[in-house]
C-alpha atoms as a PDB file:
ATOM      1  CA  MET A   1      -9.657  33.695  35.306  1.00  0.00           C
ATOM      2  CA  ILE A   2      -9.383  34.387  31.583  1.00  0.00           C
ATOM      3  CA  ASP A   3      -6.178  36.073  30.475  1.00  0.00           C
ATOM      4  CA  PRO A   4      -7.126  38.774  27.934  1.00  0.00           C
ATOM      5  CA  ILE A   5      -3.803  38.500  26.116  1.00  0.00           C
ATOM      6  CA  VAL A   6      -4.159  34.732  25.713  1.00  0.00           C
ATOM      7  CA  GLU A   7      -7.738  35.223  24.483  1.00  0.00           C
ATOM      8  CA  GLU A   8      -6.588  37.856  21.981  1.00  0.00           C
ATOM      9  CA  VAL A   9      -3.930  35.479  20.628  1.00  0.00           C
ATOM     10  CA  ARG A  10      -6.444  32.624  20.389  1.00  0.00           C
ATOM     11  CA  ILE A  11      -8.933  34.791  18.522  1.00  0.00           C
ATOM     12  CA  ALA A  12      -6.267  36.010  16.089  1.00  0.00           C
ATOM     13  CA  ARG A  13      -5.089  32.441  15.521  1.00  0.00           C
ATOM     14  CA  MET A  14      -8.643  31.239  14.890  1.00  0.00           C
ATOM     15  CA  GLU A  15      -9.352  34.110  12.477  1.00  0.00           C
ATOM     16  CA  HIS A  16      -6.174  33.257  10.586  1.00  0.00           C
ATOM     17  CA  THR A  17      -7.135  29.583  10.466  1.00  0.00           C
ATOM     18  CA  LEU A  18     -10.636  30.402   9.208  1.00  0.00           C
ATOM     19  CA  ARG A  19      -9.237  32.708   6.529  1.00  0.00           C
ATOM     20  CA  PHE A  20      -7.607  29.613   4.987  1.00  0.00           C
ATOM     21  CA  ASN A  21     -10.458  27.192   5.811  1.00  0.00           C
ATOM     22  CA  GLY A  22      -8.134  25.224   8.071  1.00  0.00           C
ATOM     23  CA  ASP A  23      -5.793  24.323   5.172  1.00  0.00           C
ATOM     24  CA  LEU A  24      -2.527  23.774   7.034  1.00  0.00           C
ATOM     25  CA  LYS A  25      -0.346  24.117   3.925  1.00  0.00           C
ATOM     26  CA  ALA A  26      -1.949  27.461   3.061  1.00  0.00           C
ATOM     27  CA  ILE A  27      -1.655  28.663   6.667  1.00  0.00           C
ATOM     28  CA  CYS A  28       2.057  27.753   6.773  1.00  0.00           C
ATOM     29  CA  ALA A  29       2.697  29.347   3.360  1.00  0.00           C
ATOM     30  CA  ASP A  30       1.052  32.573   4.549  1.00  0.00           C
ATOM     31  CA  LEU A  31       3.039  32.593   7.799  1.00  0.00           C
ATOM     32  CA  GLN A  32       6.264  31.993   5.872  1.00  0.00           C
ATOM     33  CA  ALA A  33       5.412  34.893   3.531  1.00  0.00           C
ATOM     34  CA  VAL A  34       4.766  37.164   6.526  1.00  0.00           C
ATOM     35  CA  GLN A  35       8.050  36.009   8.072  1.00  0.00           C
ATOM     36  CA  LYS A  36       9.952  36.712   4.844  1.00  0.00           C
ATOM     37  CA  ALA A  37       8.305  40.122   4.387  1.00  0.00           C
ATOM     38  CA  SER A  38       9.259  41.124   7.940  1.00  0.00           C
ATOM     39  CA  GLY A  39      12.830  41.733   6.864  1.00  0.00           C
ATOM     40  CA  HIS A  40      14.175  39.910   9.911  1.00  0.00           C
ATOM     41  CA  GLN A  41      16.979  37.427   9.448  1.00  0.00           C
ATOM     42  CA  ILE A  42      15.588  33.901   9.286  1.00  0.00           C
ATOM     43  CA  VAL A  43      17.800  31.366  11.008  1.00  0.00           C
ATOM     44  CA  SER A  44      17.605  27.667  10.225  1.00  0.00           C
ATOM     45  CA  LEU A  45      19.406  25.389  12.623  1.00  0.00           C
ATOM     46  CA  PRO A  46      20.247  21.758  11.930  1.00  0.00           C
ATOM     47  CA  PRO A  47      17.983  19.276  13.707  1.00  0.00           C
ATOM     48  CA  ILE A  48      19.245  17.897  16.990  1.00  0.00           C
ATOM     49  CA  THR A  49      18.456  14.567  18.553  1.00  0.00           C
ATOM     50  CA  PRO A  50      16.757  14.154  21.932  1.00  0.00           C
ATOM     51  CA  GLU A  51      20.005  12.688  23.240  1.00  0.00           C
ATOM     52  CA  GLU A  52      21.809  15.942  22.438  1.00  0.00           C
ATOM     53  CA  THR A  53      19.265  17.975  24.400  1.00  0.00           C
ATOM     54  CA  GLY A  54      18.903  15.564  27.298  1.00  0.00           C
ATOM     55  CA  MET A  55      15.176  15.427  26.519  1.00  0.00           C
ATOM     56  CA  ASN A  56      15.074  11.683  25.911  1.00  0.00           C
ATOM     57  CA  GLY A  57      13.960  10.888  29.439  1.00  0.00           C
ATOM     58  CA  GLY A  58      17.307   9.315  30.270  1.00  0.00           C
ATOM     59  CA  LEU A  59      16.852   6.455  27.814  1.00  0.00           C
ATOM     60  CA  THR A  60      19.847   4.718  26.390  1.00  0.00           C
ATOM     61  CA  GLU A  61      19.403   3.091  22.984  1.00  0.00           C
ATOM     62  CA  ALA A  62      19.540  -0.375  24.541  1.00  0.00           C
ATOM     63  CA  ARG A  63      16.873   0.523  27.119  1.00  0.00           C
ATOM     64  CA  TYR A  64      14.687   2.037  24.407  1.00  0.00           C
ATOM     65  CA  GLN A  65      14.955  -1.119  22.302  1.00  0.00           C
ATOM     66  CA  LYS A  66      14.069  -3.234  25.350  1.00  0.00           C
ATOM     67  CA  LEU A  67      10.982  -1.107  26.057  1.00  0.00           C
ATOM     68  CA  VAL A  68       9.878  -1.373  22.435  1.00  0.00           C
ATOM     69  CA  ALA A  69      10.306  -5.156  22.526  1.00  0.00           C
ATOM     70  CA  GLU A  70       8.313  -5.373  25.786  1.00  0.00           C
ATOM     71  CA  ALA A  71       5.513  -3.265  24.313  1.00  0.00           C
ATOM     72  CA  GLU A  72       5.409  -5.404  21.174  1.00  0.00           C
ATOM     73  CA  GLU A  73       5.290  -8.595  23.241  1.00  0.00           C
ATOM     74  CA  ALA A  74       2.467  -7.202  25.386  1.00  0.00           C
ATOM     75  CA  TYR A  75       0.542  -6.146  22.276  1.00  0.00           C
ATOM     76  CA  VAL A  76       0.906  -9.576  20.664  1.00  0.00           C
ATOM     77  CA  ALA A  77      -0.227 -11.238  23.903  1.00  0.00           C
ATOM     78  CA  ARG A  78      -3.325  -8.989  24.036  1.00  0.00           C
ATOM     79  CA  VAL A  79      -4.207  -9.721  20.420  1.00  0.00           C
ATOM     80  CA  LYS A  80      -3.832 -13.473  20.975  1.00  0.00           C
ATOM     81  CA  ALA A  81      -5.992 -13.271  24.104  1.00  0.00           C
ATOM     82  CA  SER A  82      -8.659 -11.336  22.235  1.00  0.00           C
ATOM     83  CA  LEU A  83      -8.704 -13.921  19.465  1.00  0.00           C
ATOM     84  CA  GLU A  84      -9.243 -16.621  22.069  1.00  0.00           C
ATOM     85  CA  ASP A  85     -12.020 -14.849  24.009  1.00  0.00           C
ATOM     86  CA  GLY A  86     -13.869 -13.222  21.126  1.00  0.00           C
ATOM     87  CA  GLY A  87     -12.517  -9.720  21.777  1.00  0.00           C
ATOM     88  CA  LYS A  88     -13.557  -9.403  25.429  1.00  0.00           C
ATOM     89  CA  SER A  89      -9.995  -8.774  26.618  1.00  0.00           C
ATOM     90  CA  LEU A  90      -9.483  -5.823  24.256  1.00  0.00           C
ATOM     91  CA  ARG A  91     -11.570  -2.973  25.645  1.00  0.00           C
ATOM     92  CA  VAL A  92     -11.520   0.587  24.369  1.00  0.00           C
ATOM     93  CA  GLY A  93      -9.356   2.735  26.587  1.00  0.00           C
ATOM     94  CA  LYS A  94      -7.279  -0.139  27.956  1.00  0.00           C
ATOM     95  CA  SER A  95      -3.647   0.806  27.457  1.00  0.00           C
ATOM     96  CA  LEU A  96      -0.346  -0.993  27.537  1.00  0.00           C
ATOM     97  CA  ARG A  97       2.012   0.003  30.307  1.00  0.00           C
ATOM     98  CA  VAL A  98       5.753  -0.452  30.154  1.00  0.00           C
ATOM     99  CA  ALA A  99       8.529   0.294  32.621  1.00  0.00           C
ATOM    100  CA  SER A 100       9.411   3.903  33.367  1.00  0.00           C
ATOM    101  CA  PRO A 101      11.605   5.468  30.653  1.00  0.00           C
ATOM    102  CA  LYS A 102      13.627   7.424  33.261  1.00  0.00           C
ATOM    103  CA  ILE A 103      15.958   4.465  33.901  1.00  0.00           C
ATOM    104  CA  LYS A 104      19.436   4.695  32.379  1.00  0.00           C
END
């Protein structure tokens, strides 16, 4: 089922994008001008880190660093293997998998 409100928003967004030929800087400048002209108070909040929001998947810094190191090691091993077998071990779509980031 197609939601008519969602479709209306998508059409308006696409028309706006086409008006600026997809130029993201021009689109943002126009939206900022509309926002400023609205007369509403514009609030800018300081950035917060994922740790402050609890949106970091439960990662501690040490666990994050360990996952990064594991991913780098796996990548290096894949590159070395591909150099040895003429690229057969590196297939498009094959991804690296590391341990779940939910562990604290």
